Protein backbone atom coordinates (compact mmCIF):
# COMPACT_ATOMS: atom_id res chain seq x y z
CA MET A 1 17.14 14.46 -3.25
CA ARG A 2 14.81 12.97 -5.85
CA LYS A 3 11.62 14.97 -6.47
CA GLN A 4 8.36 13.57 -5.27
CA PHE A 5 4.67 14.47 -6.06
CA VAL A 6 1.97 12.52 -4.37
CA LEU A 7 -1.54 12.98 -5.25
CA ILE A 8 -3.65 11.76 -2.24
CA THR A 9 -7.41 10.87 -3.06
CA GLY A 10 -10.08 8.39 -2.47
CA LEU A 11 -13.09 7.96 -0.30
CA SER A 12 -14.38 10.53 1.98
CA GLY A 13 -13.81 9.20 5.47
CA SER A 14 -10.90 6.88 4.66
CA GLY A 15 -8.31 8.89 6.09
CA LYS A 16 -6.93 11.50 3.62
CA THR A 17 -6.87 14.36 6.10
CA VAL A 18 -4.67 12.27 8.45
CA ALA A 19 -2.53 11.15 5.64
CA LEU A 20 -1.93 14.73 4.68
CA HIS A 21 -0.83 15.57 8.30
CA ILE A 22 1.63 12.49 8.11
CA PHE A 23 3.10 13.70 5.04
CA GLU A 24 3.57 17.25 6.54
CA ASP A 25 5.58 15.61 9.23
CA LEU A 26 7.59 13.93 6.53
CA ASN A 27 8.48 17.46 5.26
CA PHE A 28 6.36 17.58 2.25
CA PHE A 29 4.76 20.62 1.05
CA CYS A 30 1.16 19.98 1.48
CA VAL A 31 -2.20 21.35 -0.03
CA ASP A 32 -5.55 20.17 0.87
CA ASN A 33 -8.70 20.17 -1.30
CA LEU A 34 -6.96 21.52 -4.21
CA PRO A 35 -9.38 22.26 -7.29
CA SER A 36 -8.21 20.41 -10.36
CA LEU A 37 -7.86 23.62 -12.23
CA LEU A 38 -5.20 24.93 -10.15
CA LEU A 39 -3.01 21.87 -10.38
CA PRO A 40 -0.96 23.06 -13.30
CA SER A 41 -0.25 26.30 -11.59
CA LEU A 42 0.82 24.35 -8.49
CA ILE A 43 3.32 22.35 -10.33
CA ASP A 44 4.65 25.49 -11.92
CA PHE A 45 4.90 27.17 -8.51
CA CYS A 46 6.76 24.10 -7.03
CA SER A 47 9.06 23.78 -9.82
CA LYS A 48 10.18 27.55 -9.67
CA LYS A 49 10.45 27.27 -5.88
CA GLU A 50 12.56 24.38 -6.25
CA ILE A 51 10.16 22.51 -3.92
CA LYS A 52 11.16 18.81 -3.84
CA GLN A 53 8.36 17.07 -2.04
CA VAL A 54 4.79 17.83 -2.74
CA ALA A 55 1.70 16.07 -1.16
CA VAL A 56 -1.79 17.10 -2.46
CA VAL A 57 -5.41 16.13 -1.60
CA MET A 58 -7.84 16.21 -4.38
CA ASP A 59 -11.24 14.65 -3.97
CA VAL A 60 -14.82 14.92 -4.89
CA ARG A 61 -15.26 18.29 -3.00
CA GLY A 62 -13.65 19.85 -6.04
CA GLY A 63 -15.86 18.00 -8.68
CA ASP A 64 -14.80 15.32 -11.09
CA PHE A 65 -11.05 15.87 -11.73
CA SER A 66 -10.17 12.68 -13.61
CA GLU A 67 -9.91 14.56 -16.96
CA GLN A 68 -7.83 17.31 -15.66
CA LEU A 69 -5.47 14.72 -13.78
CA SER A 70 -4.92 12.65 -17.30
CA SER A 71 -3.92 16.01 -18.92
CA THR A 72 -1.43 17.09 -16.13
CA THR A 73 0.13 13.70 -15.32
CA GLU A 74 2.68 14.26 -18.09
CA LEU A 75 3.51 17.93 -16.99
CA ILE A 76 4.24 16.48 -13.63
CA LYS A 77 6.61 14.00 -15.00
CA LYS A 78 8.15 16.67 -17.23
CA GLU A 79 9.26 18.61 -14.05
CA ASN A 80 11.09 15.39 -13.17
CA PHE A 81 8.91 14.57 -10.30
CA LEU A 82 8.42 10.98 -9.25
CA PHE A 83 4.63 11.11 -9.56
CA GLU A 84 2.40 8.69 -7.61
CA ILE A 85 -1.40 8.62 -6.87
CA LEU A 86 -2.27 7.18 -3.54
CA PHE A 87 -5.86 6.14 -3.34
CA LEU A 88 -7.42 5.48 0.14
CA GLU A 89 -10.49 3.52 0.67
CA ALA A 90 -12.38 1.50 3.35
CA TYR A 91 -15.38 -0.97 3.59
CA ASP A 92 -18.87 0.83 3.30
CA ASP A 93 -19.75 -0.03 7.08
CA ILE A 94 -16.37 1.30 8.21
CA LEU A 95 -17.14 4.52 6.56
CA VAL A 96 -20.62 4.77 7.83
CA ARG A 97 -19.47 4.22 11.42
CA ARG A 98 -16.75 6.91 11.24
CA TYR A 99 -19.29 9.51 9.75
CA SER A 100 -21.70 8.34 12.61
CA GLU A 101 -18.90 8.64 15.29
CA THR A 102 -17.82 12.15 14.23
CA ARG A 103 -21.29 13.27 13.28
CA ARG A 104 -20.14 14.58 9.91
CA LYS A 105 -22.08 14.64 6.73
CA HIS A 106 -21.05 13.29 3.42
CA PRO A 107 -19.89 15.88 1.02
CA LEU A 108 -21.90 14.84 -1.82
CA LEU A 109 -25.12 14.53 0.29
CA PRO A 110 -25.09 16.92 3.00
CA SER A 111 -28.70 16.32 4.02
CA GLY A 112 -27.80 12.88 5.05
CA GLY A 113 -27.93 9.49 3.34
CA ILE A 114 -24.16 8.47 4.02
CA LEU A 115 -24.32 5.03 2.33
CA GLU A 116 -25.87 6.81 -0.76
CA GLY A 117 -23.25 9.41 -0.70
CA ILE A 118 -20.61 6.69 -0.67
CA GLN A 119 -21.92 4.72 -3.45
CA GLN A 120 -22.19 7.86 -5.62
CA GLU A 121 -18.65 8.85 -4.69
CA LYS A 122 -17.26 5.33 -5.61
CA LYS A 123 -18.82 6.03 -9.08
CA MET A 124 -17.28 9.56 -9.42
CA LEU A 125 -13.98 8.17 -8.41
CA ALA A 126 -13.89 4.88 -10.45
CA GLN A 127 -11.66 6.25 -13.20
CA VAL A 128 -9.17 7.87 -10.69
CA ARG A 129 -8.95 4.52 -8.90
CA GLU A 130 -7.83 2.57 -11.94
CA MET A 131 -5.04 5.42 -12.43
CA ALA A 132 -3.83 4.92 -8.90
CA HIS A 133 -0.29 3.62 -8.41
CA LYS A 134 -1.02 2.64 -4.74
CA ILE A 135 -4.40 1.66 -3.18
CA LEU A 136 -4.69 1.45 0.65
CA ASP A 137 -7.71 -0.11 2.48
CA THR A 138 -7.57 1.75 5.82
CA SER A 139 -10.51 -0.42 7.12
CA THR A 140 -8.39 -1.83 10.01
CA TYR A 141 -5.81 1.03 10.17
CA SER A 142 -5.34 2.98 13.39
CA PRO A 143 -3.69 6.47 12.83
CA ARG A 144 -0.57 4.93 14.08
CA ARG A 145 -0.56 2.05 11.52
CA LEU A 146 -1.37 4.54 8.68
CA ARG A 147 1.71 6.48 9.75
CA GLU A 148 3.93 3.61 9.84
CA GLU A 149 2.60 2.67 6.42
CA LEU A 150 3.09 6.12 4.71
CA THR A 151 6.49 6.70 6.45
CA SER A 152 7.49 3.22 5.04
CA LEU A 153 6.18 3.93 1.62
CA TYR A 154 7.36 7.62 1.13
CA THR A 155 10.59 7.99 3.04
CA LEU A 156 13.40 7.70 0.54
CA PRO A 157 16.32 5.42 1.97
CA GLU A 158 19.57 6.87 2.91
CA ASN A 159 21.68 3.98 1.61
CA GLY A 160 21.30 4.59 -1.99
CA LYS A 161 18.97 1.80 -2.63
CA PRO A 162 15.67 3.46 -3.89
CA LEU A 163 13.67 0.19 -3.84
CA LYS A 164 12.01 -0.75 -0.28
CA ILE A 165 10.40 -4.18 0.00
CA SER A 166 7.76 -5.21 2.39
CA ILE A 167 7.35 -8.77 2.89
CA PHE A 168 4.16 -9.87 4.56
CA SER A 169 2.37 -13.08 5.27
CA PHE A 170 -1.42 -13.53 5.21
CA GLY A 171 -4.32 -15.96 5.45
CA TYR A 172 -6.84 -16.21 2.46
CA LYS A 173 -9.62 -16.68 4.73
CA TYR A 174 -9.09 -13.08 5.95
CA GLY A 175 -9.11 -11.50 2.60
CA LEU A 176 -6.44 -10.98 -0.15
CA PRO A 177 -4.32 -7.88 0.58
CA LEU A 178 -5.43 -5.15 -1.91
CA ASP A 179 -2.05 -3.16 -2.01
CA ALA A 180 0.20 -6.13 -2.69
CA ASP A 181 2.31 -5.78 -5.77
CA LEU A 182 3.13 -9.44 -5.98
CA VAL A 183 1.20 -12.33 -4.39
CA PHE A 184 2.44 -15.90 -4.03
CA ASP A 185 -0.16 -18.54 -3.06
CA VAL A 186 1.47 -21.41 -0.95
CA ARG A 187 -1.61 -23.10 -0.21
CA PHE A 188 -0.43 -26.07 -2.34
CA LEU A 189 2.33 -26.91 0.30
CA PRO A 190 1.66 -29.72 2.99
CA ASN A 191 -0.26 -28.08 5.73
CA PRO A 192 1.28 -28.26 9.43
CA TYR A 193 -2.22 -27.21 10.83
CA TYR A 194 -3.20 -30.94 10.43
CA ARG A 195 -0.28 -32.06 12.65
CA GLU A 196 -1.37 -32.19 16.19
CA GLU A 197 2.09 -31.42 17.55
CA LEU A 198 2.28 -28.26 15.29
CA HIS A 199 -1.37 -27.05 15.08
CA ASN A 200 -1.03 -24.47 17.90
CA LEU A 201 2.33 -23.20 16.73
CA THR A 202 3.28 -20.60 14.01
CA GLY A 203 5.88 -20.53 11.12
CA ASN A 204 8.05 -18.55 13.38
CA ASP A 205 8.52 -21.68 15.59
CA PRO A 206 11.63 -23.98 14.52
CA PRO A 207 9.35 -27.17 14.36
CA VAL A 208 6.90 -25.61 11.99
CA LYS A 209 9.77 -24.06 9.82
CA LYS A 210 11.45 -27.58 9.71
CA PHE A 211 8.29 -29.01 8.67
CA VAL A 212 7.42 -26.57 5.92
CA LEU A 213 11.15 -26.34 4.48
CA SER A 214 11.73 -30.07 4.55
CA GLN A 215 9.08 -30.82 1.96
CA PRO A 216 10.10 -31.32 -1.62
CA GLU A 217 7.39 -29.06 -2.89
CA THR A 218 8.83 -26.33 -0.73
CA GLN A 219 12.37 -26.66 -2.17
CA GLN A 220 11.02 -26.71 -5.74
CA PHE A 221 8.94 -23.64 -5.10
CA LEU A 222 11.96 -21.64 -3.50
CA ASN A 223 14.12 -22.92 -6.20
CA TYR A 224 11.85 -20.78 -8.73
CA ILE A 225 10.88 -17.90 -6.61
CA LEU A 226 14.08 -16.98 -5.20
CA PRO A 227 15.79 -16.64 -8.64
CA PHE A 228 12.94 -14.74 -10.06
CA LEU A 229 12.94 -12.32 -7.19
CA GLU A 230 16.86 -11.93 -7.83
CA PHE A 231 16.10 -11.23 -11.29
CA ALA A 232 13.12 -9.04 -11.29
CA LEU A 233 13.89 -6.67 -8.35
CA PRO A 234 16.74 -4.64 -10.39
CA HIS A 235 14.40 -4.15 -13.11
CA TYR A 236 11.72 -2.70 -10.64
CA GLU A 237 14.37 -0.56 -9.12
CA LYS A 238 15.54 0.62 -12.69
CA ASP A 239 11.91 1.29 -13.55
CA GLY A 240 11.67 3.87 -10.81
CA LYS A 241 9.60 1.95 -8.30
CA ARG A 242 10.33 2.82 -4.73
CA HIS A 243 8.32 0.35 -2.73
CA LEU A 244 7.40 -3.15 -3.35
CA LYS A 245 4.90 -5.13 -1.28
CA LEU A 246 5.38 -8.85 -1.61
CA ALA A 247 2.61 -11.06 -0.08
CA ILE A 248 2.84 -14.82 0.74
CA GLY A 249 -0.60 -16.28 1.65
CA CYS A 250 -1.66 -19.52 2.92
CA THR A 251 -5.10 -20.57 4.28
CA GLY A 252 -5.07 -19.19 7.75
CA GLY A 253 -1.79 -16.98 7.63
CA ARG A 254 -0.18 -18.70 10.61
CA HIS A 255 2.11 -21.60 9.22
CA ARG A 256 3.10 -21.93 5.73
CA SER A 257 2.92 -18.32 4.60
CA ILE A 258 4.85 -17.27 7.71
CA ALA A 259 7.87 -19.81 6.97
CA ILE A 260 8.07 -18.96 3.51
CA ALA A 261 8.13 -15.05 4.16
CA ASN A 262 10.68 -15.61 6.70
CA GLU A 263 12.81 -17.63 4.25
CA ILE A 264 12.29 -14.79 1.41
CA TYR A 265 13.14 -12.21 4.02
CA ASP A 266 16.47 -14.02 4.95
CA PHE A 267 17.30 -14.32 1.23
CA LEU A 268 16.74 -10.83 0.49
CA SER A 269 18.46 -9.42 3.48
CA LYS A 270 21.80 -10.41 1.84
CA LYS A 271 20.92 -8.05 -1.08
CA GLU A 272 21.14 -4.76 0.81
CA TYR A 273 17.26 -3.79 0.06
CA PRO A 274 15.64 -1.83 2.91
CA LEU A 275 13.21 -4.69 4.17
CA ILE A 276 10.03 -4.87 6.39
CA LEU A 277 8.60 -8.11 7.48
CA GLN A 278 5.23 -8.24 8.65
CA HIS A 279 2.82 -11.52 9.67
CA ARG A 280 -0.67 -9.86 9.17
CA ASP A 281 -2.91 -12.75 10.43
CA MET A 282 -0.45 -14.58 12.88
CA GLU A 283 -2.47 -13.85 16.03
CA LYS A 284 -6.00 -14.45 14.43
């Protein structure tokens, strides 16, 4: 089993505690609210005890830890851990609502002022966010959705292929996915939305698929993209990347992006990579 060390951090109220419980269920050795000065000791302890999977929450409750984190990153890698920083965040209004619902106080401003605390926390964590390997916006996540996402990200496959690939379509009108590794914009393709007989269908329906894939621009696009992926994926794999999120976007996320995402999925399914296919905005 490959050794994994996941440092969970991010904004208060974004789901770090829930995430840590999920890692526990994935059989990780978990530590909550670790002071930054104890991080080297924890690494040493896990190495001596031959603990293979570690998940640690570090956040502003322990003060500014960016400097300590920078100095210990190499130490973690020297112990042959596959190290990753997972940064959780959410929109301000979502965080305020979560605090209001639970009647909790922000750790930076225990006397109140939730929004002020959120802004202060963002400044304190700005450097750590830049260091993060994966950023998840949990604004629309239920606990179940977060569990599915983290299980997909951090469960090592059993078939020997270390690289998992998530392919998902989205609509630009609903926002660019922040956690995507590669984003392909297909808004330049002819739009089935303006065909009356196709307007209420999606890219999963054969008439829309036929319309999108029959366009010369689509075939030329696929002739570029599919060989690129065939070339690039083994290099991501060789570099130690375990999960790649590939996003395909059109205007509304219902027609072109779905048809192209499905086509890429069909192509990669022949390459024996573990795949996940999602259509984020199909029902909107």
